[in-house]
Amino acid sequence: MNKLMTSAAASVLALAIGTTSADAQAQLVGVQALDDRITDIEDRVRDDQARAEDSARFGNQQFAPGWTGSLAMSFSANRGNSDARDMSLAGRFNYNVGQWNHSLGLGLELGRANGERTKADGFAVYDANYYVADDFYVFGLGRVESDRMPENRTTDAFVGFGPGYRIINTEDAAWRVQAGPGWRYNHDHDARKSTNELGGIVSSRAYYRVSDGIFVTNNTDVLRSKIGTIAENDFGVSIGQLEGLSTRFSVRTNYNSANTGKKTDHVLGVSLVYGFR
């Protein structure tokens, strides 16, 4: 029995040492860094495809009641030829009760290198919906970001609210629109100067399922204030899980009346994920 336990312990130790050695080797020759970059690309592609589906298109029935959420943190420190420390913290929390849906996102990024601050950014986003009826709801949204870097010490915030209405709400098609007033605040800490402006925001979210695994979306947002008009339209066609292939084609148009050059930009996007075994 002792021999068996000793053998098992030795096997576990050998496996741990082998795994650690492999990780160290991958880090040393640069394999790990490239693998991390591959993972980042995969995450961005999947995020692009997930955004197209508009998780709120069918109303509050889809949300489980109570609290849900996630929290992530990363920290790294380097001593030697350079002295650097980086920390990132992010969390997303949802609370759903009755006719209310709440979503709160928080983020913090800090960094120092060779005695100088390289990153100091904190931000939060909040989105709430109250469903008066199946087709009618009231929304509130807000965001705030504070950048404490010496060359750009600013705080920027936006708050908006208003009514929303689901014009179409079926399994194959969904279309909702919402609009309301908004307020933007910006403060330059170095210049000790603050600006406030009132505006309005109009949004549209349209979804149509052509067939199993194929759907079309068109999302439009327009923000109007005394400074000018900012608009974005994102049209996309998504093809999911077609023999292991998930693809999205999109055309995004951005308009900013305050731009001194071209006021409109067009971006063609293609995201593709192919899995096999």
Protein backbone atom coordinates (compact mmCIF):
# COMPACT_ATOMS: atom_id res chain seq x y z
CA MET A 1 0.00 0.00 0.00
CA ASN A 2 2.82 2.38 0.91
CA LYS A 3 4.55 1.56 -2.36
CA LEU A 4 1.33 2.32 -4.23
CA MET A 5 0.89 5.68 -2.46
CA THR A 6 4.55 6.54 -3.02
CA SER A 7 4.25 5.69 -6.69
CA ALA A 8 1.09 7.78 -7.03
CA ALA A 9 2.68 10.74 -5.28
CA ALA A 10 5.73 10.50 -7.49
CA SER A 11 3.53 10.43 -10.59
CA VAL A 12 1.63 13.53 -9.47
CA LEU A 13 4.89 15.33 -8.67
CA ALA A 14 6.38 14.37 -12.03
CA LEU A 15 3.26 15.59 -13.80
CA ALA A 16 3.36 18.91 -11.92
CA ILE A 17 7.05 19.38 -12.68
CA GLY A 18 6.48 18.47 -16.33
CA THR A 19 3.61 20.93 -16.62
CA THR A 20 5.60 23.70 -14.96
CA SER A 21 8.59 22.99 -17.20
CA ALA A 22 6.41 23.06 -20.29
CA ASP A 23 4.84 26.37 -19.25
CA ALA A 24 8.25 27.87 -18.55
CA GLN A 25 9.57 26.63 -21.87
CA ALA A 26 6.59 28.08 -23.74
CA GLN A 27 7.12 31.41 -22.00
CA LEU A 28 10.86 31.42 -22.70
CA VAL A 29 10.72 30.76 -26.43
CA GLY A 30 7.73 33.07 -26.99
CA VAL A 31 5.09 30.42 -27.67
CA GLN A 32 2.93 31.55 -24.75
CA ALA A 33 2.88 35.19 -25.86
CA LEU A 34 1.71 34.26 -29.35
CA ASP A 35 -0.82 31.82 -27.95
CA ASP A 36 -2.25 34.61 -25.78
CA ARG A 37 -2.57 36.82 -28.85
CA ILE A 38 -4.44 34.05 -30.67
CA THR A 39 -6.83 33.80 -27.71
CA ASP A 40 -7.40 37.57 -27.78
CA ILE A 41 -8.33 37.41 -31.47
CA GLU A 42 -10.74 34.53 -30.83
CA ASP A 43 -12.36 36.46 -27.97
CA ARG A 44 -12.83 39.58 -30.10
CA VAL A 45 -14.41 37.56 -32.91
CA ARG A 46 -16.84 35.81 -30.56
CA ASP A 47 -17.71 39.11 -28.84
CA ASP A 48 -18.50 40.65 -32.24
CA GLN A 49 -20.83 37.78 -33.06
CA ALA A 50 -22.49 37.84 -29.63
CA ARG A 51 -23.22 41.58 -29.79
CA ALA A 52 -25.21 41.07 -32.99
CA GLU A 53 -27.77 38.89 -31.25
CA ASP A 54 -29.03 41.70 -28.93
CA SER A 55 -29.64 39.77 -25.73
CA ALA A 56 -32.57 42.03 -24.76
CA ARG A 57 -34.53 41.69 -28.00
CA PHE A 58 -37.27 39.42 -26.58
CA GLY A 59 -38.01 41.33 -23.37
CA ASN A 60 -37.59 40.57 -19.69
CA GLN A 61 -38.93 37.00 -19.79
CA GLN A 62 -35.51 35.69 -20.76
CA PHE A 63 -33.73 36.97 -17.64
CA ALA A 64 -33.50 34.73 -14.59
CA PRO A 65 -34.61 36.48 -11.36
CA GLY A 66 -32.06 37.40 -8.71
CA TRP A 67 -28.36 38.16 -8.87
CA THR A 68 -25.95 36.93 -11.52
CA GLY A 69 -22.52 38.20 -12.42
CA SER A 70 -18.81 37.68 -12.80
CA LEU A 71 -15.60 39.22 -11.49
CA ALA A 72 -12.13 39.02 -13.02
CA MET A 73 -8.75 40.33 -11.89
CA SER A 74 -5.22 40.15 -13.25
CA PHE A 75 -1.93 41.33 -11.75
CA SER A 76 1.64 41.20 -13.00
CA ALA A 77 4.92 42.55 -11.62
CA ASN A 78 8.38 42.67 -13.14
CA ARG A 79 11.73 43.34 -11.46
CA GLY A 80 15.12 43.39 -13.17
CA ASN A 81 15.92 45.31 -16.33
CA SER A 82 12.63 47.09 -15.83
CA ASP A 83 10.36 47.70 -12.86
CA ALA A 84 6.72 47.38 -13.91
CA ARG A 85 3.40 46.52 -12.31
CA ASP A 86 0.00 46.16 -13.96
CA MET A 87 -3.38 45.38 -12.47
CA SER A 88 -6.78 45.05 -14.12
CA LEU A 89 -10.12 44.49 -12.40
CA ALA A 90 -13.48 44.07 -14.12
CA GLY A 91 -16.91 42.94 -13.03
CA ARG A 92 -20.38 42.61 -14.47
CA PHE A 93 -23.45 42.23 -12.29
CA ASN A 94 -27.11 41.72 -13.16
CA TYR A 95 -30.11 41.94 -10.88
CA ASN A 96 -33.56 41.04 -12.15
CA VAL A 97 -36.73 41.23 -10.08
CA GLY A 98 -40.28 41.43 -11.35
CA GLN A 99 -40.48 44.00 -14.13
CA TRP A 100 -36.99 45.40 -13.45
CA ASN A 101 -33.74 44.43 -15.17
CA HIS A 102 -30.51 46.00 -13.92
CA SER A 103 -27.01 45.63 -15.38
CA LEU A 104 -23.87 47.16 -13.87
CA GLY A 105 -20.34 46.91 -15.25
CA LEU A 106 -17.20 48.13 -13.46
CA GLY A 107 -13.59 48.33 -14.57
CA LEU A 108 -10.24 49.50 -13.21
CA GLU A 109 -6.83 49.51 -14.95
CA LEU A 110 -3.65 50.58 -13.14
CA GLY A 111 -0.02 50.44 -14.25
CA ARG A 112 3.43 51.74 -13.34
CA ALA A 113 6.80 51.31 -15.05
CA ASN A 114 10.19 52.55 -13.85
CA GLY A 115 8.62 54.81 -11.27
CA GLU A 116 6.13 56.44 -13.64
CA ARG A 117 2.44 55.89 -13.98
CA THR A 118 1.53 54.28 -17.30
CA LYS A 119 -2.16 53.60 -16.78
CA ALA A 120 -4.83 54.86 -14.39
CA ASP A 121 -8.33 54.44 -15.73
CA GLY A 122 -11.58 53.64 -13.94
CA PHE A 123 -14.99 53.29 -15.56
CA ALA A 124 -18.53 52.09 -14.96
CA VAL A 125 -21.63 51.48 -17.10
CA TYR A 126 -25.22 51.03 -15.95
CA ASP A 127 -28.31 49.97 -17.86
CA ALA A 128 -31.81 49.50 -16.44
CA ASN A 129 -35.16 48.57 -17.99
CA TYR A 130 -38.61 48.63 -16.41
CA TYR A 131 -41.25 46.71 -18.34
CA VAL A 132 -44.61 48.45 -18.05
CA ALA A 133 -46.11 45.91 -20.48
CA ASP A 134 -44.85 43.20 -22.80
CA ASP A 135 -44.28 45.75 -25.58
CA PHE A 136 -43.57 48.93 -23.61
CA TYR A 137 -40.69 49.68 -21.26
CA VAL A 138 -38.73 52.57 -19.76
CA PHE A 139 -34.94 52.61 -19.95
CA GLY A 140 -32.17 54.39 -18.10
CA LEU A 141 -28.50 54.24 -18.97
CA GLY A 142 -25.32 55.87 -17.77
CA ARG A 143 -21.58 55.69 -18.01
CA VAL A 144 -18.66 57.38 -16.29
CA GLU A 145 -14.92 57.18 -16.99
CA SER A 146 -12.10 58.84 -15.09
CA ASP A 147 -8.62 58.92 -16.60
CA ARG A 148 -6.01 60.03 -14.06
CA MET A 149 -2.95 59.99 -16.31
CA PRO A 150 -0.90 63.20 -15.92
CA GLU A 151 -1.29 64.21 -19.58
CA ASN A 152 -5.04 63.51 -19.69
CA ARG A 153 -6.70 63.90 -16.28
CA THR A 154 -10.34 63.95 -17.26
CA THR A 155 -13.69 62.69 -16.08
CA ASP A 156 -16.40 62.07 -18.66
CA ALA A 157 -19.97 60.99 -17.90
CA PHE A 158 -23.28 60.54 -19.71
CA VAL A 159 -26.79 59.82 -18.40
CA GLY A 160 -29.91 59.22 -20.49
CA PHE A 161 -33.44 57.90 -20.01
CA GLY A 162 -36.71 57.54 -21.87
CA PRO A 163 -39.40 55.20 -23.18
CA GLY A 164 -38.95 52.16 -25.37
CA TYR A 165 -41.41 50.21 -27.49
CA ARG A 166 -41.30 46.76 -29.09
CA ILE A 167 -42.88 47.17 -32.50
CA ILE A 168 -42.32 43.50 -33.43
CA ASN A 169 -41.73 40.72 -30.92
CA THR A 170 -41.93 37.20 -32.36
CA GLU A 171 -39.58 34.21 -32.42
CA ASP A 172 -38.38 35.06 -35.95
CA ALA A 173 -38.45 38.85 -35.83
CA ALA A 174 -37.92 41.55 -33.22
CA TRP A 175 -37.76 45.31 -33.53
CA ARG A 176 -37.58 47.76 -30.68
CA VAL A 177 -36.98 51.51 -30.58
CA GLN A 178 -36.17 53.83 -27.71
CA ALA A 179 -35.50 57.55 -27.35
CA GLY A 180 -35.01 60.13 -24.65
CA PRO A 181 -33.06 63.11 -23.37
CA GLY A 182 -29.49 62.84 -22.18
CA TRP A 183 -26.88 64.86 -20.27
CA ARG A 184 -23.12 64.79 -20.77
CA TYR A 185 -20.53 66.07 -18.32
CA ASN A 186 -16.80 66.48 -18.95
CA HIS A 187 -14.24 67.82 -16.50
CA ASP A 188 -10.59 68.61 -17.26
CA HIS A 189 -8.82 68.29 -13.91
CA ASP A 190 -5.65 70.09 -15.02
CA ALA A 191 -7.42 73.04 -16.61
CA ARG A 192 -10.09 72.99 -13.88
CA LYS A 193 -12.70 73.39 -16.55
CA SER A 194 -16.05 71.62 -16.82
CA THR A 195 -18.52 71.44 -19.68
CA ASN A 196 -22.17 70.37 -19.57
CA GLU A 197 -24.50 69.78 -22.45
CA LEU A 198 -28.01 68.51 -22.94
CA GLY A 199 -28.89 66.25 -25.83
CA GLY A 200 -31.07 63.41 -26.97
CA ILE A 201 -30.47 59.82 -27.99
CA VAL A 202 -32.50 57.64 -30.37
CA SER A 203 -31.84 53.92 -30.80
CA SER A 204 -33.26 51.12 -32.93
CA ARG A 205 -32.61 47.35 -32.67
CA ALA A 206 -33.94 45.11 -35.44
CA TYR A 207 -33.55 41.32 -35.70
CA TYR A 208 -34.85 38.87 -38.29
CA ARG A 209 -34.18 35.13 -38.45
CA VAL A 210 -34.01 33.99 -42.06
CA SER A 211 -33.67 30.31 -41.18
CA ASP A 212 -32.11 28.11 -38.52
CA GLY A 213 -28.68 29.56 -37.77
CA ILE A 214 -29.01 32.55 -40.13
CA PHE A 215 -30.22 35.95 -38.96
CA VAL A 216 -29.98 39.61 -39.98
CA THR A 217 -29.56 42.56 -37.61
CA ASN A 218 -29.59 46.32 -37.99
CA ASN A 219 -28.69 48.52 -35.02
CA THR A 220 -28.87 52.31 -35.15
CA ASP A 221 -27.92 54.94 -32.55
CA VAL A 222 -28.12 58.72 -32.94
CA LEU A 223 -26.88 61.19 -30.29
CA ARG A 224 -27.73 64.84 -30.81
CA SER A 225 -26.39 67.76 -28.73
CA LYS A 226 -25.45 71.39 -29.22
CA ILE A 227 -21.96 70.36 -30.32
CA GLY A 228 -23.33 68.28 -33.18
CA THR A 229 -24.70 64.90 -34.19
CA ILE A 230 -23.07 61.51 -33.74
CA ALA A 231 -24.66 58.50 -35.44
CA GLU A 232 -23.77 54.85 -35.93
CA ASN A 233 -25.50 52.16 -37.96
CA ASP A 234 -24.42 48.52 -37.85
CA PHE A 235 -25.93 46.12 -40.38
CA GLY A 236 -24.93 42.47 -40.18
CA VAL A 237 -25.70 38.99 -41.44
CA SER A 238 -24.80 36.12 -39.12
CA ILE A 239 -24.50 32.46 -40.09
CA GLY A 240 -24.07 30.25 -37.07
CA GLN A 241 -23.14 26.61 -36.60
CA LEU A 242 -23.30 25.67 -40.27
CA GLU A 243 -21.24 22.45 -40.26
CA GLY A 244 -18.99 23.93 -37.59
CA LEU A 245 -18.77 27.35 -39.26
CA SER A 246 -19.93 30.55 -37.57
CA THR A 247 -19.66 33.72 -39.64
CA ARG A 248 -20.77 37.34 -39.47
CA PHE A 249 -20.60 39.93 -42.24
CA SER A 250 -21.21 43.52 -41.17
CA VAL A 251 -21.17 47.07 -42.50
CA ARG A 252 -20.81 49.80 -39.87
CA THR A 253 -21.32 53.46 -40.74
CA ASN A 254 -20.18 56.20 -38.36
CA TYR A 255 -21.14 59.86 -38.74
CA ASN A 256 -19.85 62.82 -36.71
CA SER A 257 -20.90 66.30 -37.77
CA ALA A 258 -18.11 67.83 -35.65
CA ASN A 259 -15.32 66.22 -37.69
CA THR A 260 -13.28 68.75 -39.65
CA GLY A 261 -12.44 66.24 -42.40
CA LYS A 262 -14.72 63.53 -43.68
CA LYS A 263 -17.77 63.27 -41.50
CA THR A 264 -18.68 59.69 -42.46
CA ASP A 265 -16.69 56.48 -42.14
CA HIS A 266 -17.65 53.04 -43.45
CA VAL A 267 -16.20 49.86 -41.99
CA LEU A 268 -16.67 46.43 -43.59
CA GLY A 269 -16.21 43.59 -41.11
CA VAL A 270 -16.01 39.82 -41.42
CA SER A 271 -15.72 37.57 -38.37
CA LEU A 272 -15.41 33.83 -38.81
CA VAL A 273 -15.04 30.90 -36.42
CA TYR A 274 -14.59 27.37 -37.71
CA GLY A 275 -14.47 24.40 -35.39
CA PHE A 276 -13.83 20.75 -36.21
CA ARG A 277 -12.77 17.54 -34.54
